[in-house]
Every structure is written in C-alpha cells, then in structure tokens.
N, C-alpha and C. Protein backbone atom coordinates (compact mmCIF):
# COMPACT_ATOMS: atom_id res chain seq x y z
N MET A 1 7.03 15.03 -15.63
CA MET A 1 6.82 13.64 -15.28
C MET A 1 7.98 12.82 -15.83
N ASN A 2 8.49 11.93 -15.00
CA ASN A 2 9.55 11.03 -15.43
C ASN A 2 9.10 9.62 -15.10
N SER A 3 8.44 8.97 -16.03
CA SER A 3 7.86 7.66 -15.77
C SER A 3 8.23 6.74 -16.92
N ALA A 4 9.36 6.08 -16.80
CA ALA A 4 9.79 5.16 -17.85
C ALA A 4 8.90 3.95 -17.88
N LYS A 5 8.59 3.47 -19.08
CA LYS A 5 7.77 2.27 -19.23
C LYS A 5 8.62 1.05 -18.93
N PRO A 6 8.11 0.17 -18.04
CA PRO A 6 8.89 -1.02 -17.74
C PRO A 6 8.91 -1.98 -18.92
N SER A 7 9.99 -2.72 -19.04
CA SER A 7 10.11 -3.73 -20.07
C SER A 7 9.34 -4.97 -19.66
N LEU A 8 8.80 -5.69 -20.64
CA LEU A 8 8.10 -6.93 -20.32
C LEU A 8 9.04 -7.96 -19.73
N ASN A 9 10.34 -7.86 -20.00
CA ASN A 9 11.30 -8.82 -19.49
C ASN A 9 11.87 -8.42 -18.13
N ALA A 10 11.69 -7.21 -17.71
CA ALA A 10 12.27 -6.74 -16.45
C ALA A 10 11.17 -6.15 -15.56
N PRO A 11 10.64 -6.94 -14.67
CA PRO A 11 9.60 -6.41 -13.78
C PRO A 11 10.14 -5.30 -12.89
N THR A 12 9.25 -4.42 -12.47
CA THR A 12 9.58 -3.32 -11.59
C THR A 12 9.13 -3.66 -10.18
N ARG A 13 10.00 -3.43 -9.20
CA ARG A 13 9.68 -3.67 -7.79
C ARG A 13 8.85 -2.51 -7.29
N CYS A 14 7.72 -2.82 -6.68
CA CYS A 14 6.77 -1.81 -6.22
C CYS A 14 6.30 -2.12 -4.81
N ALA A 15 5.70 -1.13 -4.17
CA ALA A 15 5.10 -1.33 -2.86
C ALA A 15 3.67 -0.81 -2.89
N LEU A 16 2.78 -1.58 -2.27
CA LEU A 16 1.38 -1.21 -2.13
C LEU A 16 1.03 -1.19 -0.64
N GLY A 17 0.18 -0.25 -0.26
CA GLY A 17 -0.36 -0.20 1.09
C GLY A 17 -1.84 -0.51 1.03
N LEU A 18 -2.30 -1.44 1.88
CA LEU A 18 -3.70 -1.83 1.89
C LEU A 18 -4.28 -1.64 3.29
N GLY A 19 -5.54 -1.22 3.33
CA GLY A 19 -6.21 -1.05 4.61
C GLY A 19 -7.70 -1.31 4.48
N SER A 20 -8.31 -1.70 5.61
CA SER A 20 -9.75 -1.97 5.66
C SER A 20 -10.25 -1.77 7.08
N ASN A 21 -11.46 -1.21 7.21
CA ASN A 21 -12.08 -1.13 8.54
C ASN A 21 -13.60 -1.30 8.49
N LEU A 22 -14.10 -1.88 7.42
CA LEU A 22 -15.53 -2.19 7.31
C LEU A 22 -15.70 -3.68 7.04
N GLY A 23 -16.82 -4.22 7.52
CA GLY A 23 -17.10 -5.63 7.28
C GLY A 23 -16.09 -6.50 8.02
N ASP A 24 -15.50 -7.44 7.29
CA ASP A 24 -14.47 -8.32 7.84
C ASP A 24 -13.13 -7.88 7.25
N PRO A 25 -12.41 -6.99 7.94
CA PRO A 25 -11.19 -6.43 7.37
C PRO A 25 -10.15 -7.48 6.98
N LYS A 26 -9.98 -8.52 7.76
CA LYS A 26 -9.00 -9.57 7.42
C LYS A 26 -9.38 -10.23 6.10
N ARG A 27 -10.65 -10.58 5.96
CA ARG A 27 -11.11 -11.21 4.72
C ARG A 27 -10.97 -10.24 3.56
N ASN A 28 -11.29 -8.97 3.77
CA ASN A 28 -11.17 -7.97 2.70
C ASN A 28 -9.73 -7.86 2.21
N LEU A 29 -8.78 -7.83 3.14
CA LEU A 29 -7.38 -7.74 2.76
C LEU A 29 -6.93 -9.01 2.03
N ASP A 30 -7.31 -10.16 2.58
CA ASP A 30 -6.92 -11.42 1.94
C ASP A 30 -7.47 -11.51 0.52
N GLU A 31 -8.71 -11.08 0.33
CA GLU A 31 -9.32 -11.14 -0.99
C GLU A 31 -8.66 -10.15 -1.96
N ALA A 32 -8.32 -8.97 -1.47
CA ALA A 32 -7.63 -8.00 -2.32
C ALA A 32 -6.27 -8.54 -2.76
N VAL A 33 -5.54 -9.15 -1.83
CA VAL A 33 -4.24 -9.73 -2.16
C VAL A 33 -4.41 -10.84 -3.20
N ARG A 34 -5.41 -11.68 -3.00
CA ARG A 34 -5.66 -12.77 -3.95
C ARG A 34 -5.94 -12.23 -5.34
N ARG A 35 -6.79 -11.22 -5.42
CA ARG A 35 -7.13 -10.65 -6.74
C ARG A 35 -5.94 -9.96 -7.39
N LEU A 36 -5.13 -9.30 -6.61
CA LEU A 36 -3.92 -8.69 -7.17
C LEU A 36 -2.98 -9.76 -7.68
N GLU A 37 -2.79 -10.83 -6.90
CA GLU A 37 -1.89 -11.92 -7.28
C GLU A 37 -2.35 -12.59 -8.57
N GLU A 38 -3.65 -12.67 -8.78
CA GLU A 38 -4.20 -13.30 -9.98
C GLU A 38 -4.22 -12.37 -11.19
N SER A 39 -3.81 -11.14 -11.01
CA SER A 39 -3.82 -10.15 -12.09
C SER A 39 -2.63 -10.35 -13.01
N ASN A 40 -2.88 -10.21 -14.31
CA ASN A 40 -1.79 -10.27 -15.28
C ASN A 40 -0.77 -9.19 -15.00
N GLY A 41 0.50 -9.56 -15.00
CA GLY A 41 1.57 -8.59 -14.84
C GLY A 41 1.91 -8.24 -13.41
N ILE A 42 1.28 -8.90 -12.42
CA ILE A 42 1.56 -8.61 -11.01
C ILE A 42 1.94 -9.90 -10.30
N THR A 43 3.07 -9.87 -9.61
CA THR A 43 3.49 -11.00 -8.77
C THR A 43 3.72 -10.48 -7.36
N VAL A 44 2.99 -11.03 -6.40
CA VAL A 44 3.18 -10.65 -5.01
C VAL A 44 4.45 -11.34 -4.51
N VAL A 45 5.40 -10.54 -4.05
CA VAL A 45 6.70 -11.02 -3.58
C VAL A 45 6.69 -11.21 -2.07
N ALA A 46 6.07 -10.28 -1.34
CA ALA A 46 6.04 -10.34 0.12
C ALA A 46 4.81 -9.64 0.66
N ARG A 47 4.30 -10.17 1.76
CA ARG A 47 3.17 -9.56 2.47
C ARG A 47 3.60 -9.35 3.91
N SER A 48 3.33 -8.17 4.42
CA SER A 48 3.68 -7.87 5.80
C SER A 48 2.72 -8.58 6.75
N SER A 49 3.07 -8.52 8.01
CA SER A 49 2.13 -8.94 9.05
C SER A 49 0.94 -8.00 9.01
N ASP A 50 -0.13 -8.39 9.70
CA ASP A 50 -1.31 -7.54 9.85
C ASP A 50 -1.07 -6.60 11.03
N TYR A 51 -1.50 -5.35 10.87
CA TYR A 51 -1.35 -4.35 11.92
C TYR A 51 -2.69 -3.67 12.17
N ARG A 52 -3.06 -3.54 13.45
CA ARG A 52 -4.24 -2.75 13.83
C ARG A 52 -3.74 -1.32 14.01
N THR A 53 -4.42 -0.38 13.36
CA THR A 53 -3.98 1.01 13.40
C THR A 53 -5.16 1.92 13.65
N PRO A 54 -4.93 3.01 14.37
CA PRO A 54 -6.00 3.98 14.57
C PRO A 54 -6.33 4.68 13.25
N PRO A 55 -7.57 5.12 13.10
CA PRO A 55 -7.93 5.83 11.86
C PRO A 55 -7.14 7.12 11.74
N TRP A 56 -6.87 7.50 10.50
CA TRP A 56 -6.13 8.72 10.21
C TRP A 56 -7.11 9.71 9.60
N GLY A 57 -7.10 10.93 10.07
CA GLY A 57 -7.98 11.95 9.51
C GLY A 57 -9.07 12.34 10.48
N PRO A 58 -9.96 13.25 10.05
CA PRO A 58 -10.93 13.86 10.94
C PRO A 58 -12.24 13.08 11.13
N VAL A 59 -12.44 11.97 10.44
CA VAL A 59 -13.72 11.27 10.49
C VAL A 59 -13.68 10.18 11.57
N PRO A 60 -14.59 10.25 12.59
CA PRO A 60 -14.63 9.20 13.61
C PRO A 60 -15.01 7.85 12.97
N GLN A 61 -14.24 6.80 13.30
CA GLN A 61 -14.47 5.49 12.71
C GLN A 61 -13.69 4.43 13.47
N ASP A 62 -13.92 3.17 13.14
CA ASP A 62 -13.21 2.06 13.77
C ASP A 62 -11.76 2.03 13.33
N ASP A 63 -10.95 1.29 14.12
CA ASP A 63 -9.56 1.07 13.75
C ASP A 63 -9.49 0.34 12.41
N TYR A 64 -8.32 0.44 11.79
CA TYR A 64 -8.05 -0.22 10.52
C TYR A 64 -7.21 -1.47 10.73
N LEU A 65 -7.28 -2.36 9.78
CA LEU A 65 -6.31 -3.43 9.62
C LEU A 65 -5.50 -3.04 8.40
N ASN A 66 -4.17 -2.93 8.57
CA ASN A 66 -3.30 -2.50 7.48
C ASN A 66 -2.21 -3.52 7.21
N ILE A 67 -1.82 -3.60 5.94
CA ILE A 67 -0.68 -4.41 5.50
C ILE A 67 0.03 -3.65 4.38
N CYS A 68 1.21 -4.10 4.07
CA CYS A 68 1.89 -3.66 2.85
C CYS A 68 2.26 -4.89 2.05
N LEU A 69 2.33 -4.70 0.75
CA LEU A 69 2.79 -5.74 -0.17
C LEU A 69 3.98 -5.21 -0.96
N VAL A 70 4.90 -6.11 -1.24
CA VAL A 70 5.92 -5.85 -2.25
C VAL A 70 5.51 -6.67 -3.45
N VAL A 71 5.43 -6.03 -4.60
CA VAL A 71 5.05 -6.72 -5.82
C VAL A 71 6.07 -6.43 -6.90
N ASP A 72 6.23 -7.37 -7.80
CA ASP A 72 6.96 -7.14 -9.04
C ASP A 72 5.92 -7.06 -10.13
N THR A 73 6.07 -6.08 -11.01
CA THR A 73 5.06 -5.89 -12.06
C THR A 73 5.70 -5.48 -13.37
N THR A 74 5.04 -5.88 -14.43
CA THR A 74 5.40 -5.41 -15.76
C THR A 74 4.46 -4.27 -16.19
N LEU A 75 3.56 -3.86 -15.29
CA LEU A 75 2.62 -2.79 -15.57
C LEU A 75 3.26 -1.43 -15.31
N SER A 76 2.86 -0.44 -16.06
CA SER A 76 3.28 0.93 -15.78
C SER A 76 2.64 1.37 -14.46
N ALA A 77 3.12 2.48 -13.91
CA ALA A 77 2.53 2.99 -12.67
C ALA A 77 1.04 3.25 -12.85
N HIS A 78 0.65 3.84 -13.98
CA HIS A 78 -0.76 4.13 -14.21
C HIS A 78 -1.59 2.85 -14.31
N ASP A 79 -1.05 1.85 -15.01
CA ASP A 79 -1.81 0.60 -15.15
C ASP A 79 -1.88 -0.16 -13.83
N LEU A 80 -0.84 -0.09 -13.02
CA LEU A 80 -0.90 -0.74 -11.70
C LEU A 80 -1.93 -0.03 -10.83
N LEU A 81 -1.93 1.29 -10.84
CA LEU A 81 -2.94 2.03 -10.08
C LEU A 81 -4.34 1.67 -10.57
N LYS A 82 -4.51 1.60 -11.89
CA LYS A 82 -5.81 1.24 -12.46
C LYS A 82 -6.27 -0.12 -11.94
N ARG A 83 -5.36 -1.10 -11.90
CA ARG A 83 -5.73 -2.43 -11.41
C ARG A 83 -6.08 -2.38 -9.92
N CYS A 84 -5.35 -1.59 -9.14
CA CYS A 84 -5.67 -1.44 -7.72
C CYS A 84 -7.07 -0.85 -7.52
N LEU A 85 -7.40 0.15 -8.30
CA LEU A 85 -8.72 0.77 -8.21
C LEU A 85 -9.81 -0.20 -8.66
N GLU A 86 -9.52 -1.03 -9.66
CA GLU A 86 -10.49 -2.04 -10.09
C GLU A 86 -10.75 -3.05 -8.97
N VAL A 87 -9.71 -3.47 -8.28
CA VAL A 87 -9.88 -4.41 -7.17
C VAL A 87 -10.72 -3.76 -6.07
N GLU A 88 -10.47 -2.50 -5.79
CA GLU A 88 -11.30 -1.80 -4.80
C GLU A 88 -12.78 -1.84 -5.20
N LEU A 89 -13.07 -1.53 -6.45
CA LEU A 89 -14.46 -1.55 -6.93
C LEU A 89 -15.05 -2.95 -6.87
N GLU A 90 -14.27 -3.95 -7.27
CA GLU A 90 -14.75 -5.34 -7.24
C GLU A 90 -15.14 -5.76 -5.82
N LEU A 91 -14.45 -5.22 -4.83
CA LEU A 91 -14.74 -5.58 -3.43
C LEU A 91 -15.78 -4.66 -2.80
N GLY A 92 -16.32 -3.70 -3.56
CA GLY A 92 -17.41 -2.87 -3.07
C GLY A 92 -17.00 -1.53 -2.51
N ARG A 93 -15.82 -1.05 -2.81
CA ARG A 93 -15.37 0.25 -2.31
C ARG A 93 -16.25 1.36 -2.88
N VAL A 94 -16.71 2.22 -1.98
CA VAL A 94 -17.48 3.40 -2.36
C VAL A 94 -16.70 4.61 -1.85
N ARG A 95 -16.44 5.55 -2.74
CA ARG A 95 -15.70 6.76 -2.35
C ARG A 95 -16.69 7.89 -2.12
N ASP A 96 -17.14 8.01 -0.85
CA ASP A 96 -18.11 9.06 -0.56
C ASP A 96 -17.60 10.08 0.46
N ILE A 97 -16.79 9.64 1.43
CA ILE A 97 -16.27 10.54 2.46
C ILE A 97 -14.75 10.46 2.45
N ARG A 98 -14.09 11.59 2.20
CA ARG A 98 -12.63 11.59 2.21
C ARG A 98 -12.14 11.22 3.61
N TRP A 99 -11.20 10.30 3.66
CA TRP A 99 -10.62 9.78 4.90
C TRP A 99 -11.66 9.06 5.75
N GLY A 100 -12.78 8.66 5.14
CA GLY A 100 -13.82 7.94 5.87
C GLY A 100 -13.56 6.44 5.88
N PRO A 101 -14.45 5.69 6.55
CA PRO A 101 -14.30 4.25 6.61
C PRO A 101 -14.39 3.63 5.22
N ARG A 102 -13.72 2.48 5.05
CA ARG A 102 -13.73 1.85 3.73
C ARG A 102 -13.57 0.35 3.85
N ILE A 103 -14.20 -0.32 2.91
CA ILE A 103 -14.09 -1.78 2.86
C ILE A 103 -12.70 -2.20 2.44
N ILE A 104 -12.08 -1.41 1.55
CA ILE A 104 -10.71 -1.67 1.12
C ILE A 104 -10.13 -0.39 0.55
N ASP A 105 -8.85 -0.20 0.80
CA ASP A 105 -8.11 0.92 0.25
C ASP A 105 -6.77 0.35 -0.20
N ILE A 106 -6.39 0.62 -1.43
CA ILE A 106 -5.11 0.14 -1.96
C ILE A 106 -4.37 1.35 -2.52
N ASP A 107 -3.25 1.65 -1.91
CA ASP A 107 -2.43 2.79 -2.34
C ASP A 107 -1.16 2.30 -3.02
N LEU A 108 -0.85 2.89 -4.15
CA LEU A 108 0.43 2.66 -4.81
C LEU A 108 1.45 3.56 -4.13
N LEU A 109 2.39 2.94 -3.42
CA LEU A 109 3.37 3.70 -2.65
C LEU A 109 4.65 3.97 -3.44
N ILE A 110 5.16 2.93 -4.08
CA ILE A 110 6.43 3.02 -4.80
C ILE A 110 6.31 2.23 -6.09
N HIS A 111 6.82 2.77 -7.18
CA HIS A 111 6.89 2.06 -8.45
C HIS A 111 8.31 2.19 -8.97
N GLY A 112 9.16 1.28 -8.51
CA GLY A 112 10.57 1.34 -8.89
C GLY A 112 11.17 2.66 -8.47
N VAL A 113 11.89 3.29 -9.38
CA VAL A 113 12.46 4.60 -9.11
C VAL A 113 11.68 5.70 -9.83
N ALA A 114 10.52 5.33 -10.37
CA ALA A 114 9.71 6.30 -11.11
C ALA A 114 9.23 7.41 -10.19
N LYS A 115 9.20 8.61 -10.73
CA LYS A 115 8.60 9.76 -10.07
C LYS A 115 7.51 10.27 -10.99
N VAL A 116 6.29 10.23 -10.47
CA VAL A 116 5.14 10.69 -11.23
C VAL A 116 4.42 11.73 -10.39
N GLU A 117 4.17 12.89 -10.96
CA GLU A 117 3.42 13.94 -10.28
C GLU A 117 2.32 14.42 -11.20
N GLU A 118 1.16 13.80 -11.06
CA GLU A 118 -0.01 14.15 -11.87
C GLU A 118 -1.21 14.24 -10.94
N PRO A 119 -2.29 14.87 -11.37
CA PRO A 119 -3.45 15.02 -10.49
C PRO A 119 -4.01 13.68 -9.98
N ASP A 120 -3.93 12.63 -10.79
CA ASP A 120 -4.52 11.34 -10.40
C ASP A 120 -3.50 10.34 -9.86
N LEU A 121 -2.21 10.72 -9.83
CA LEU A 121 -1.20 9.77 -9.37
C LEU A 121 0.08 10.51 -8.98
N GLU A 122 0.55 10.22 -7.76
CA GLU A 122 1.86 10.69 -7.31
C GLU A 122 2.61 9.51 -6.74
N VAL A 123 3.74 9.19 -7.35
CA VAL A 123 4.65 8.18 -6.80
C VAL A 123 6.06 8.72 -6.86
N PRO A 124 6.83 8.44 -5.82
CA PRO A 124 6.43 7.77 -4.59
C PRO A 124 5.29 8.53 -3.89
N HIS A 125 4.51 7.79 -3.10
CA HIS A 125 3.37 8.39 -2.39
C HIS A 125 3.89 9.55 -1.54
N PRO A 126 3.32 10.74 -1.70
CA PRO A 126 3.90 11.93 -1.09
C PRO A 126 3.84 11.99 0.44
N ARG A 127 2.98 11.23 1.09
CA ARG A 127 2.84 11.33 2.54
C ARG A 127 3.20 10.05 3.29
N MET A 128 3.74 9.05 2.59
CA MET A 128 4.00 7.79 3.28
C MET A 128 5.05 7.91 4.37
N ALA A 129 6.01 8.82 4.23
CA ALA A 129 7.07 8.96 5.23
C ALA A 129 6.55 9.54 6.54
N GLU A 130 5.32 10.06 6.55
CA GLU A 130 4.71 10.65 7.74
C GLU A 130 3.76 9.69 8.43
N ARG A 131 3.54 8.52 7.86
CA ARG A 131 2.48 7.64 8.33
C ARG A 131 3.04 6.31 8.83
N ALA A 132 3.00 6.16 10.14
CA ALA A 132 3.52 4.93 10.75
C ALA A 132 2.76 3.71 10.26
N PHE A 133 1.47 3.85 9.97
CA PHE A 133 0.69 2.70 9.53
C PHE A 133 1.13 2.20 8.15
N VAL A 134 1.89 3.00 7.44
CA VAL A 134 2.50 2.58 6.17
C VAL A 134 3.94 2.12 6.41
N LEU A 135 4.71 2.93 7.12
CA LEU A 135 6.14 2.64 7.27
C LEU A 135 6.43 1.37 8.06
N ILE A 136 5.66 1.09 9.09
CA ILE A 136 5.95 -0.09 9.91
C ILE A 136 5.79 -1.37 9.10
N PRO A 137 4.66 -1.60 8.43
CA PRO A 137 4.58 -2.83 7.63
C PRO A 137 5.51 -2.82 6.42
N LEU A 138 5.75 -1.66 5.83
CA LEU A 138 6.65 -1.59 4.68
C LEU A 138 8.08 -1.93 5.11
N ALA A 139 8.55 -1.34 6.21
CA ALA A 139 9.91 -1.60 6.69
C ALA A 139 10.08 -3.06 7.12
N GLU A 140 9.00 -3.70 7.52
CA GLU A 140 9.07 -5.12 7.90
C GLU A 140 9.49 -5.98 6.71
N ILE A 141 8.93 -5.68 5.53
CA ILE A 141 9.16 -6.55 4.37
C ILE A 141 10.13 -5.97 3.34
N TRP A 142 10.37 -4.66 3.38
CA TRP A 142 11.29 -4.02 2.44
C TRP A 142 11.94 -2.81 3.12
N PRO A 143 12.83 -3.06 4.08
CA PRO A 143 13.41 -1.95 4.84
C PRO A 143 14.17 -0.95 3.96
N ASP A 144 14.72 -1.41 2.85
CA ASP A 144 15.47 -0.52 1.95
C ASP A 144 14.61 0.13 0.88
N ALA A 145 13.30 0.04 1.02
CA ALA A 145 12.40 0.65 0.03
C ALA A 145 12.72 2.13 -0.12
N PRO A 146 12.95 2.59 -1.36
CA PRO A 146 13.30 4.00 -1.57
C PRO A 146 12.06 4.90 -1.54
N LEU A 147 12.05 5.86 -0.62
CA LEU A 147 10.88 6.72 -0.47
C LEU A 147 10.87 7.91 -1.41
N GLY A 148 11.96 8.09 -2.16
CA GLY A 148 12.00 9.19 -3.12
C GLY A 148 12.55 10.48 -2.55
N ASP A 149 12.79 10.51 -1.23
CA ASP A 149 13.35 11.71 -0.61
C ASP A 149 14.78 11.46 -0.12
N GLY A 150 15.38 10.37 -0.60
CA GLY A 150 16.74 10.03 -0.20
C GLY A 150 16.80 9.07 0.98
N ARG A 151 15.66 8.81 1.61
CA ARG A 151 15.62 7.90 2.75
C ARG A 151 14.99 6.57 2.36
N THR A 152 15.30 5.56 3.13
CA THR A 152 14.63 4.27 2.98
C THR A 152 13.46 4.22 3.96
N ALA A 153 12.63 3.20 3.82
CA ALA A 153 11.51 3.03 4.75
C ALA A 153 12.02 2.90 6.18
N ALA A 154 13.06 2.13 6.39
CA ALA A 154 13.60 1.94 7.74
C ALA A 154 14.14 3.25 8.31
N GLN A 155 14.81 4.04 7.50
CA GLN A 155 15.33 5.33 7.97
C GLN A 155 14.20 6.29 8.34
N ALA A 156 13.18 6.37 7.52
CA ALA A 156 12.05 7.26 7.80
C ALA A 156 11.30 6.83 9.04
N LEU A 157 11.22 5.53 9.27
CA LEU A 157 10.51 5.01 10.44
C LEU A 157 11.15 5.47 11.74
N GLU A 158 12.46 5.68 11.73
CA GLU A 158 13.17 6.09 12.95
C GLU A 158 12.63 7.40 13.53
N THR A 159 12.14 8.29 12.69
CA THR A 159 11.66 9.59 13.16
C THR A 159 10.16 9.78 12.94
N CYS A 160 9.47 8.74 12.54
CA CYS A 160 8.03 8.85 12.25
C CYS A 160 7.22 8.93 13.55
N PRO A 161 6.28 9.88 13.63
CA PRO A 161 5.43 9.96 14.83
C PRO A 161 4.36 8.87 14.83
N ASP A 162 3.72 8.70 15.96
CA ASP A 162 2.53 7.84 16.12
C ASP A 162 2.82 6.35 15.94
N ARG A 163 4.06 5.92 16.14
CA ARG A 163 4.37 4.50 15.99
C ARG A 163 3.68 3.65 17.05
N ASP A 164 3.47 4.22 18.25
CA ASP A 164 2.87 3.46 19.34
C ASP A 164 1.45 3.01 19.04
N GLY A 165 0.74 3.73 18.16
CA GLY A 165 -0.64 3.36 17.85
C GLY A 165 -0.77 2.21 16.89
N VAL A 166 0.33 1.77 16.30
CA VAL A 166 0.31 0.69 15.32
C VAL A 166 0.70 -0.60 16.03
N VAL A 167 -0.23 -1.57 16.06
CA VAL A 167 -0.04 -2.80 16.83
C VAL A 167 0.01 -3.99 15.89
N LYS A 168 1.14 -4.71 15.94
CA LYS A 168 1.27 -5.94 15.15
C LYS A 168 0.39 -7.02 15.75
N LEU A 169 -0.39 -7.67 14.90
CA LEU A 169 -1.26 -8.73 15.36
C LEU A 169 -0.55 -10.07 15.27
N ASP A 170 -0.95 -11.00 16.12
CA ASP A 170 -0.33 -12.33 16.13
C ASP A 170 -0.57 -13.04 14.82
N GLY A 171 0.33 -13.95 14.51
CA GLY A 171 0.19 -14.73 13.28
C GLY A 171 1.25 -14.33 12.28
N ASP A 172 1.61 -15.29 11.47
CA ASP A 172 2.61 -15.05 10.44
C ASP A 172 1.96 -14.45 9.21
N PRO A 173 2.73 -13.67 8.44
CA PRO A 173 2.20 -13.17 7.18
C PRO A 173 1.84 -14.35 6.27
N ALA A 174 0.89 -14.11 5.40
CA ALA A 174 0.40 -15.17 4.51
C ALA A 174 1.46 -15.58 3.51
N LEU A 175 2.37 -14.70 3.14
CA LEU A 175 3.41 -15.02 2.16
C LEU A 175 4.78 -14.82 2.76
C-alpha cells in the first residue's frame, strides 16, 4: 500500500462517482452532494451534469441517475471513503443485493495520486476505465483525471464501450 497522508495545508484532488435509482434519484443525489459539501475536510469543486444510465450488472432494475464530483479534501482515502459510506447510511442505503437497486451509491474513484489496494478500498477505482457511466461525467468536469493506468479520463473514454447508453439530461450542473 502506498497511501501518503495528506497535509492539512494541502488538500488532495479527488473524484467521486454517485448514482441513484430508487425513490427520487435527483433529490437523492442533491442531498448526498449537500451532505458531502457540509462535511469537515471536503470541498466540492465541480459537479457534472446529470446522466441517465442503464443499470450495470445482472439484477433487473430501473435506470440510474449518475453524476461525478471533483472534491478537494484534507481527509485520507480511508476517511473520505468512511464519510461517503456515512452519507449513504444517512440517506437510507441498504446493502442487500450486490449490483442491485439503491437509493444512493457513492464511489471513491480517485484520491490524488494515491494507490491503495486493500480488501475494503481500492483507489484508483479498479473498474472505472471500463464504465461509461463513470467516465462520461468524470471527463466532463476533469478530463485530465489520472486513472492510475497511465491514461486520463478523456483518453479512456475514447475506447470505452457502452457510451451510447449514457444520456446527458437537460439542465446545467448545480456547481
């Protein structure tokens, strides 16, 4: 594991992926962003447009609403993940079916240049370069985001499958 602790004076640039397909997905995403923004040590720098995306995985379910955030944080990767999981719980997330429907899902995609490979946390996120529902909103707000494999988000998007299923919704991003 190579996970340097960030300095309190030098925030780390990070990327988060958020999705929802239960209840009111737009409200769920907005509330998750609000709670993250109000968290100590987290500053939301940019929010992507909203995207309607088909569900990923073997469980039949409704489409998702997905966004990405760029945040600056003084939190370690583990503490940022912990805060993301707390926000999920606060909004009523129940983890019962893998890849099943969810009220909110918050993934830590990138934490600076840190590489963490542990059972409860892998950053950069190991499968983000394969998922158009992550790359499209991420490339919108941080095209040079380092994916950890030598490519940026914009470069990975060029060869990513399933881009046609990701539909940008009307309206400007909230930030």
